């Protein structure tokens, strides 16, 4: 057998490429974006609530680590965080794929940059707390000052810097959705209000962080509902 014949044998036929093309088209659909957005919102909401229930906002901010139940909540939150980030990256990718050539370069840069920075800060905050849990080996293994420092850094990363990036992401996606007609007017208004609150919320405002996954859920549900509507016939 010649080399050219061998190459032709290894080449994929159109019949082999068709299923792959269908799979690629399927993961780029609005339904895929909706599933990713809902998964991210549920996971991030669970992470924030678990952290809020485990870490005291005032008082003994270093005593939580000696409580096995609180440590378990924080451990579960750190374990869920990577999956929330993965779902959010998938959400970003599908949204960009749907915008296609209509995506403005200026807004595309802000959209992608703010989304990636939000995920990076979310991961950094979770890794900071996860490192503390890995070092904990009894009440005397870590100092109270170190526990308070880790809590302060993680909270600042998420509630001071992270939500600002979430505000930029919300504002850009809302504006792109308005310009392309993907997002209805009521959701445009909600998006701008959420972005403004996230941008101006005081530091350490935990409840403000929950507005971001709530907006993602609303946007994802809209995409999911519209994905079942029949497309208008074209001439």
C-alpha atoms as a PDB file:
ATOM      1  CA  UNK A   1       0.000   0.000   0.000  1.00  0.00           C
ATOM      2  CA  UNK A   2       1.381   3.430  -0.935  1.00  0.00           C
ATOM      3  CA  UNK A   3       1.723   6.339   1.423  1.00  0.00           C
ATOM      4  CA  UNK A   4      -1.014   8.304  -0.362  1.00  0.00           C
ATOM      5  CA  UNK A   5      -3.415   5.395  -0.103  1.00  0.00           C
ATOM      6  CA  UNK A   6      -2.644   5.106   3.598  1.00  0.00           C
ATOM      7  CA  UNK A   7      -3.348   8.810   4.080  1.00  0.00           C
ATOM      8  CA  UNK A   8      -6.638   8.454   2.240  1.00  0.00           C
ATOM      9  CA  UNK A   9      -7.500   5.534   4.484  1.00  0.00           C
ATOM     10  CA  UNK A  10      -6.883   7.560   7.581  1.00  0.00           C
ATOM     11  CA  UNK A  11      -8.764  10.593   6.251  1.00  0.00           C
ATOM     12  CA  UNK A  12     -12.218  11.082   7.647  1.00  0.00           C
ATOM     13  CA  UNK A  13     -15.099  10.844   5.257  1.00  0.00           C
ATOM     14  CA  UNK A  14     -17.952  13.410   5.158  1.00  0.00           C
ATOM     15  CA  UNK A  15     -20.144  10.819   6.841  1.00  0.00           C
ATOM     16  CA  UNK A  16     -17.685  10.681   9.750  1.00  0.00           C
ATOM     17  CA  UNK A  17     -17.464  14.464   9.986  1.00  0.00           C
ATOM     18  CA  UNK A  18     -21.240  15.019   9.970  1.00  0.00           C
ATOM     19  CA  UNK A  19     -21.938  13.709  13.507  1.00  0.00           C
ATOM     20  CA  UNK A  20     -19.067  15.798  14.852  1.00  0.00           C
ATOM     21  CA  UNK A  21     -20.495  18.881  13.169  1.00  0.00           C
ATOM     22  CA  UNK A  22     -23.899  18.203  14.693  1.00  0.00           C
ATOM     23  CA  UNK A  23     -22.339  17.909  18.149  1.00  0.00           C
ATOM     24  CA  UNK A  24     -20.481  21.209  17.710  1.00  0.00           C
ATOM     25  CA  UNK A  25     -23.664  22.924  16.562  1.00  0.00           C
ATOM     26  CA  UNK A  26     -25.563  21.487  19.516  1.00  0.00           C
ATOM     27  CA  UNK A  27     -23.156  22.765  22.183  1.00  0.00           C
ATOM     28  CA  UNK A  28     -23.323  26.252  20.647  1.00  0.00           C
ATOM     29  CA  UNK A  29     -27.109  26.547  20.810  1.00  0.00           C
ATOM     30  CA  UNK A  30     -28.955  28.943  23.148  1.00  0.00           C
ATOM     31  CA  UNK A  31     -30.152  25.866  25.033  1.00  0.00           C
ATOM     32  CA  UNK A  32     -26.543  24.966  25.828  1.00  0.00           C
ATOM     33  CA  UNK A  33     -25.909  28.494  27.097  1.00  0.00           C
ATOM     34  CA  UNK A  34     -29.029  28.287  29.242  1.00  0.00           C
ATOM     35  CA  UNK A  35     -27.990  24.980  30.799  1.00  0.00           C
ATOM     36  CA  UNK A  36     -24.503  26.287  31.538  1.00  0.00           C
ATOM     37  CA  UNK A  37     -25.875  29.516  33.012  1.00  0.00           C
ATOM     38  CA  UNK A  38     -28.348  27.733  35.272  1.00  0.00           C
ATOM     39  CA  UNK A  39     -25.663  25.311  36.440  1.00  0.00           C
ATOM     40  CA  UNK A  40     -23.316  28.201  37.227  1.00  0.00           C
ATOM     41  CA  UNK A  41     -25.989  30.152  39.080  1.00  0.00           C
ATOM     42  CA  UNK A  42     -27.014  27.190  41.229  1.00  0.00           C
ATOM     43  CA  UNK A  43     -23.412  26.291  42.064  1.00  0.00           C
ATOM     44  CA  UNK A  44     -22.307  29.856  42.815  1.00  0.00           C
ATOM     45  CA  UNK A  45     -25.409  30.480  44.904  1.00  0.00           C
ATOM     46  CA  UNK A  46     -24.673  27.336  46.909  1.00  0.00           C
ATOM     47  CA  UNK A  47     -21.033  28.401  47.397  1.00  0.00           C
ATOM     48  CA  UNK A  48     -21.965  31.879  48.654  1.00  0.00           C
ATOM     49  CA  UNK A  49     -24.691  30.586  50.984  1.00  0.00           C
ATOM     50  CA  UNK A  50     -22.452  27.869  52.424  1.00  0.00           C
ATOM     51  CA  UNK A  51     -19.691  30.391  53.048  1.00  0.00           C
ATOM     52  CA  UNK A  52     -22.114  32.849  54.598  1.00  0.00           C
ATOM     53  CA  UNK A  53     -23.507  30.215  56.958  1.00  0.00           C
ATOM     54  CA  UNK A  54     -20.054  28.972  57.938  1.00  0.00           C
ATOM     55  CA  UNK A  55     -18.035  32.181  58.287  1.00  0.00           C
ATOM     56  CA  UNK A  56     -19.297  34.647  60.929  1.00  0.00           C
ATOM     57  CA  UNK A  57     -19.577  38.206  59.695  1.00  0.00           C
ATOM     58  CA  UNK A  58     -18.731  39.715  63.068  1.00  0.00           C
ATOM     59  CA  UNK A  59     -17.340  38.533  66.362  1.00  0.00           C
ATOM     60  CA  UNK A  60     -15.086  35.500  66.523  1.00  0.00           C
ATOM     61  CA  UNK A  61     -14.001  35.317  62.906  1.00  0.00           C
ATOM     62  CA  UNK A  62     -11.272  32.828  63.758  1.00  0.00           C
ATOM     63  CA  UNK A  63     -13.350  30.364  65.778  1.00  0.00           C
ATOM     64  CA  UNK A  64     -15.222  28.819  62.853  1.00  0.00           C
ATOM     65  CA  UNK A  65     -12.315  26.571  61.922  1.00  0.00           C
ATOM     66  CA  UNK A  66     -12.547  24.681  65.216  1.00  0.00           C
ATOM     67  CA  UNK A  67     -16.191  23.809  64.480  1.00  0.00           C
ATOM     68  CA  UNK A  68     -16.413  20.584  62.462  1.00  0.00           C
ATOM     69  CA  UNK A  69     -19.818  21.474  61.010  1.00  0.00           C
ATOM     70  CA  UNK A  70     -18.644  24.887  59.808  1.00  0.00           C
ATOM     71  CA  UNK A  71     -15.467  23.386  58.364  1.00  0.00           C
ATOM     72  CA  UNK A  72     -17.568  20.880  56.463  1.00  0.00           C
ATOM     73  CA  UNK A  73     -19.647  23.653  54.890  1.00  0.00           C
ATOM     74  CA  UNK A  74     -16.556  25.571  53.839  1.00  0.00           C
ATOM     75  CA  UNK A  75     -14.958  22.405  52.440  1.00  0.00           C
ATOM     76  CA  UNK A  76     -18.062  21.681  50.379  1.00  0.00           C
ATOM     77  CA  UNK A  77     -18.089  25.257  49.095  1.00  0.00           C
ATOM     78  CA  UNK A  78     -14.447  25.039  47.968  1.00  0.00           C
ATOM     79  CA  UNK A  79     -15.164  21.740  46.224  1.00  0.00           C
ATOM     80  CA  UNK A  80     -18.106  23.220  44.299  1.00  0.00           C
ATOM     81  CA  UNK A  81     -16.239  26.341  43.208  1.00  0.00           C
ATOM     82  CA  UNK A  82     -14.254  24.765  40.305  1.00  0.00           C
ATOM     83  CA  UNK A  83     -17.445  23.381  38.774  1.00  0.00           C
ATOM     84  CA  UNK A  84     -19.106  26.798  39.032  1.00  0.00           C
ATOM     85  CA  UNK A  85     -16.134  28.301  37.193  1.00  0.00           C
ATOM     86  CA  UNK A  86     -16.255  25.653  34.479  1.00  0.00           C
ATOM     87  CA  UNK A  87     -19.981  26.220  33.918  1.00  0.00           C
ATOM     88  CA  UNK A  88     -19.407  29.980  33.725  1.00  0.00           C
ATOM     89  CA  UNK A  89     -16.631  29.578  31.144  1.00  0.00           C
ATOM     90  CA  UNK A  90     -18.939  27.392  29.070  1.00  0.00           C
ATOM     91  CA  UNK A  91     -21.641  30.064  29.417  1.00  0.00           C
ATOM     92  CA  UNK A  92     -19.198  32.719  28.165  1.00  0.00           C
ATOM     93  CA  UNK A  93     -18.124  30.581  25.220  1.00  0.00           C
ATOM     94  CA  UNK A  94     -21.643  29.816  24.044  1.00  0.00           C
ATOM     95  CA  UNK A  95     -22.723  33.460  24.335  1.00  0.00           C
ATOM     96  CA  UNK A  96     -19.721  34.546  22.241  1.00  0.00           C
ATOM     97  CA  UNK A  97     -20.505  31.853  19.699  1.00  0.00           C
ATOM     98  CA  UNK A  98     -24.093  33.061  19.398  1.00  0.00           C
ATOM     99  CA  UNK A  99     -23.052  36.693  18.906  1.00  0.00           C
ATOM    100  CA  UNK A 100     -20.628  35.724  16.144  1.00  0.00           C
ATOM    101  CA  UNK A 101     -19.757  38.515  13.704  1.00  0.00           C
ATOM    102  CA  UNK A 102     -22.140  40.918  15.472  1.00  0.00           C
ATOM    103  CA  UNK A 103     -19.785  41.082  18.457  1.00  0.00           C
ATOM    104  CA  UNK A 104     -18.174  44.508  18.811  1.00  0.00           C
ATOM    105  CA  UNK A 105     -14.425  44.353  19.509  1.00  0.00           C
ATOM    106  CA  UNK A 106     -14.545  46.894  22.331  1.00  0.00           C
ATOM    107  CA  UNK A 107     -17.404  45.167  24.103  1.00  0.00           C
ATOM    108  CA  UNK A 108     -15.934  41.749  23.316  1.00  0.00           C
ATOM    109  CA  UNK A 109     -12.733  42.676  25.141  1.00  0.00           C
ATOM    110  CA  UNK A 110     -14.629  43.920  28.198  1.00  0.00           C
ATOM    111  CA  UNK A 111     -16.961  40.921  28.056  1.00  0.00           C
ATOM    112  CA  UNK A 112     -14.220  38.314  27.923  1.00  0.00           C
ATOM    113  CA  UNK A 113     -11.838  40.131  30.266  1.00  0.00           C
ATOM    114  CA  UNK A 114     -14.389  40.747  33.008  1.00  0.00           C
ATOM    115  CA  UNK A 115     -15.670  37.176  32.826  1.00  0.00           C
ATOM    116  CA  UNK A 116     -12.208  35.653  33.063  1.00  0.00           C
ATOM    117  CA  UNK A 117     -11.191  37.999  35.890  1.00  0.00           C
ATOM    118  CA  UNK A 118     -14.320  37.095  37.822  1.00  0.00           C
ATOM    119  CA  UNK A 119     -13.530  33.394  37.536  1.00  0.00           C
ATOM    120  CA  UNK A 120      -9.897  34.026  38.513  1.00  0.00           C
ATOM    121  CA  UNK A 121     -10.905  35.951  41.644  1.00  0.00           C
ATOM    122  CA  UNK A 122     -13.491  33.330  42.543  1.00  0.00           C
ATOM    123  CA  UNK A 123     -10.858  30.614  42.262  1.00  0.00           C
ATOM    124  CA  UNK A 124      -8.293  32.666  44.196  1.00  0.00           C
ATOM    125  CA  UNK A 125     -10.708  33.287  47.063  1.00  0.00           C
ATOM    126  CA  UNK A 126     -11.623  29.610  47.206  1.00  0.00           C
ATOM    127  CA  UNK A 127      -7.990  28.486  46.981  1.00  0.00           C
ATOM    128  CA  UNK A 128      -7.047  30.791  49.857  1.00  0.00           C
ATOM    129  CA  UNK A 129      -9.630  29.192  52.127  1.00  0.00           C
ATOM    130  CA  UNK A 130      -8.818  25.718  50.803  1.00  0.00           C
ATOM    131  CA  UNK A 131      -5.150  26.170  51.693  1.00  0.00           C
ATOM    132  CA  UNK A 132      -6.144  27.120  55.230  1.00  0.00           C
ATOM    133  CA  UNK A 133      -8.260  23.975  55.547  1.00  0.00           C
ATOM    134  CA  UNK A 134      -5.385  21.867  54.224  1.00  0.00           C
ATOM    135  CA  UNK A 135      -3.060  23.288  56.885  1.00  0.00           C
ATOM    136  CA  UNK A 136      -5.524  22.788  59.718  1.00  0.00           C
ATOM    137  CA  UNK A 137      -4.600  19.839  61.909  1.00  0.00           C
ATOM    138  CA  UNK A 138      -6.060  20.724  65.265  1.00  0.00           C
ATOM    139  CA  UNK A 139      -6.816  23.907  67.231  1.00  0.00           C
ATOM    140  CA  UNK A 140      -3.131  24.782  67.635  1.00  0.00           C
ATOM    141  CA  UNK A 141      -2.060  24.124  64.028  1.00  0.00           C
ATOM    142  CA  UNK A 142      -3.003  27.605  62.727  1.00  0.00           C
ATOM    143  CA  UNK A 143      -3.043  30.918  64.557  1.00  0.00           C
ATOM    144  CA  UNK A 144      -6.250  32.965  64.949  1.00  0.00           C
ATOM    145  CA  UNK A 145      -4.545  35.894  63.201  1.00  0.00           C
ATOM    146  CA  UNK A 146      -3.873  33.759  60.126  1.00  0.00           C
ATOM    147  CA  UNK A 147      -7.481  32.528  60.072  1.00  0.00           C
ATOM    148  CA  UNK A 148      -8.780  36.104  60.202  1.00  0.00           C
ATOM    149  CA  UNK A 149      -6.365  37.178  57.488  1.00  0.00           C
ATOM    150  CA  UNK A 150      -7.444  34.394  55.149  1.00  0.00           C
ATOM    151  CA  UNK A 151     -11.096  35.243  55.726  1.00  0.00           C
ATOM    152  CA  UNK A 152     -10.490  38.945  55.081  1.00  0.00           C
ATOM    153  CA  UNK A 153      -8.532  38.325  51.851  1.00  0.00           C
ATOM    154  CA  UNK A 154     -11.074  35.837  50.497  1.00  0.00           C
ATOM    155  CA  UNK A 155     -13.985  38.120  51.315  1.00  0.00           C
ATOM    156  CA  UNK A 156     -12.265  41.086  49.681  1.00  0.00           C
ATOM    157  CA  UNK A 157     -11.497  39.111  46.524  1.00  0.00           C
ATOM    158  CA  UNK A 158     -15.116  38.085  46.089  1.00  0.00           C
ATOM    159  CA  UNK A 159     -17.175  40.963  47.522  1.00  0.00           C
ATOM    160  CA  UNK A 160     -14.934  43.903  46.592  1.00  0.00           C
ATOM    161  CA  UNK A 161     -13.138  42.988  43.366  1.00  0.00           C
ATOM    162  CA  UNK A 162     -15.063  39.995  42.049  1.00  0.00           C
ATOM    163  CA  UNK A 163     -18.474  41.651  42.036  1.00  0.00           C
ATOM    164  CA  UNK A 164     -17.039  44.695  40.211  1.00  0.00           C
ATOM    165  CA  UNK A 165     -15.977  42.382  37.406  1.00  0.00           C
ATOM    166  CA  UNK A 166     -19.402  40.759  37.564  1.00  0.00           C
ATOM    167  CA  UNK A 167     -20.924  44.240  37.219  1.00  0.00           C
ATOM    168  CA  UNK A 168     -18.901  44.930  34.064  1.00  0.00           C
ATOM    169  CA  UNK A 169     -19.831  41.521  32.651  1.00  0.00           C
ATOM    170  CA  UNK A 170     -23.528  42.091  33.355  1.00  0.00           C
ATOM    171  CA  UNK A 171     -23.465  45.566  31.814  1.00  0.00           C
ATOM    172  CA  UNK A 172     -21.665  44.441  28.658  1.00  0.00           C
ATOM    173  CA  UNK A 173     -23.852  41.381  28.063  1.00  0.00           C
ATOM    174  CA  UNK A 174     -26.996  43.434  28.686  1.00  0.00           C
ATOM    175  CA  UNK A 175     -25.871  46.099  26.229  1.00  0.00           C
ATOM    176  CA  UNK A 176     -24.903  43.513  23.599  1.00  0.00           C
ATOM    177  CA  UNK A 177     -28.225  41.765  24.098  1.00  0.00           C
ATOM    178  CA  UNK A 178     -30.069  45.063  23.668  1.00  0.00           C
ATOM    179  CA  UNK A 179     -28.187  45.958  20.487  1.00  0.00           C
ATOM    180  CA  UNK A 180     -28.683  42.544  18.888  1.00  0.00           C
ATOM    181  CA  UNK A 181     -32.268  42.096  20.066  1.00  0.00           C
ATOM    182  CA  UNK A 182     -31.495  38.890  21.965  1.00  0.00           C
ATOM    183  CA  UNK A 183     -32.545  40.307  25.346  1.00  0.00           C
ATOM    184  CA  UNK A 184     -36.066  41.753  25.894  1.00  0.00           C
ATOM    185  CA  UNK A 185     -36.576  45.225  27.311  1.00  0.00           C
ATOM    186  CA  UNK A 186     -37.578  44.106  30.803  1.00  0.00           C
ATOM    187  CA  UNK A 187     -34.441  41.985  31.090  1.00  0.00           C
ATOM    188  CA  UNK A 188     -32.327  44.872  29.796  1.00  0.00           C
ATOM    189  CA  UNK A 189     -33.684  47.040  32.622  1.00  0.00           C
ATOM    190  CA  UNK A 190     -33.016  44.300  35.183  1.00  0.00           C
ATOM    191  CA  UNK A 191     -29.491  43.821  33.847  1.00  0.00           C
ATOM    192  CA  UNK A 192     -28.570  47.489  34.132  1.00  0.00           C
ATOM    193  CA  UNK A 193     -30.012  47.703  37.664  1.00  0.00           C
ATOM    194  CA  UNK A 194     -28.095  44.607  38.768  1.00  0.00           C
ATOM    195  CA  UNK A 195     -24.889  45.934  37.202  1.00  0.00           C
ATOM    196  CA  UNK A 196     -25.309  49.281  38.980  1.00  0.00           C
ATOM    197  CA  UNK A 197     -25.891  47.617  42.360  1.00  0.00           C
ATOM    198  CA  UNK A 198     -22.887  45.317  41.914  1.00  0.00           C
ATOM    199  CA  UNK A 199     -20.733  48.263  40.894  1.00  0.00           C
ATOM    200  CA  UNK A 200     -21.702  50.489  43.836  1.00  0.00           C
ATOM    201  CA  UNK A 201     -22.320  47.919  46.588  1.00  0.00           C
ATOM    202  CA  UNK A 202     -20.202  48.518  49.716  1.00  0.00           C
ATOM    203  CA  UNK A 203     -17.358  46.044  50.375  1.00  0.00           C
ATOM    204  CA  UNK A 204     -18.214  42.840  52.285  1.00  0.00           C
ATOM    205  CA  UNK A 205     -21.814  42.973  51.046  1.00  0.00           C
ATOM    206  CA  UNK A 206     -22.443  39.266  50.671  1.00  0.00           C
ATOM    207  CA  UNK A 207     -26.069  39.533  49.545  1.00  0.00           C
ATOM    208  CA  UNK A 208     -24.997  41.647  46.556  1.00  0.00           C
ATOM    209  CA  UNK A 209     -22.962  38.710  45.223  1.00  0.00           C
ATOM    210  CA  UNK A 210     -26.170  36.686  44.942  1.00  0.00           C
ATOM    211  CA  UNK A 211     -27.613  39.230  42.499  1.00  0.00           C
ATOM    212  CA  UNK A 212     -25.163  38.074  39.844  1.00  0.00           C
ATOM    213  CA  UNK A 213     -26.257  34.401  39.715  1.00  0.00           C
ATOM    214  CA  UNK A 214     -29.875  35.593  39.959  1.00  0.00           C
ATOM    215  CA  UNK A 215     -29.412  37.686  36.810  1.00  0.00           C
ATOM    216  CA  UNK A 216     -27.674  34.783  35.066  1.00  0.00           C
ATOM    217  CA  UNK A 217     -30.660  32.557  35.914  1.00  0.00           C
ATOM    218  CA  UNK A 218     -33.108  35.076  34.420  1.00  0.00           C
ATOM    219  CA  UNK A 219     -31.032  35.403  31.250  1.00  0.00           C
ATOM    220  CA  UNK A 220     -30.604  31.632  30.982  1.00  0.00           C
ATOM    221  CA  UNK A 221     -34.307  30.958  31.457  1.00  0.00           C
ATOM    222  CA  UNK A 222     -35.090  33.488  28.730  1.00  0.00           C
ATOM    223  CA  UNK A 223     -32.635  31.769  26.374  1.00  0.00           C
ATOM    224  CA  UNK A 224     -34.094  28.387  27.268  1.00  0.00           C
ATOM    225  CA  UNK A 225     -37.688  29.474  26.644  1.00  0.00           C
ATOM    226  CA  UNK A 226     -36.897  31.187  23.342  1.00  0.00           C
ATOM    227  CA  UNK A 227     -34.919  28.151  22.158  1.00  0.00           C
ATOM    228  CA  UNK A 228     -38.165  26.150  22.035  1.00  0.00           C
ATOM    229  CA  UNK A 229     -39.950  28.725  19.899  1.00  0.00           C
ATOM    230  CA  UNK A 230     -40.048  27.972  16.168  1.00  0.00           C
ATOM    231  CA  UNK A 231     -37.834  30.238  14.088  1.00  0.00           C
ATOM    232  CA  UNK A 232     -39.684  32.524  11.661  1.00  0.00           C
ATOM    233  CA  UNK A 233     -39.674  31.351   8.070  1.00  0.00           C
ATOM    234  CA  UNK A 234     -37.332  33.198   5.740  1.00  0.00           C
ATOM    235  CA  UNK A 235     -37.931  33.874   2.084  1.00  0.00           C
END
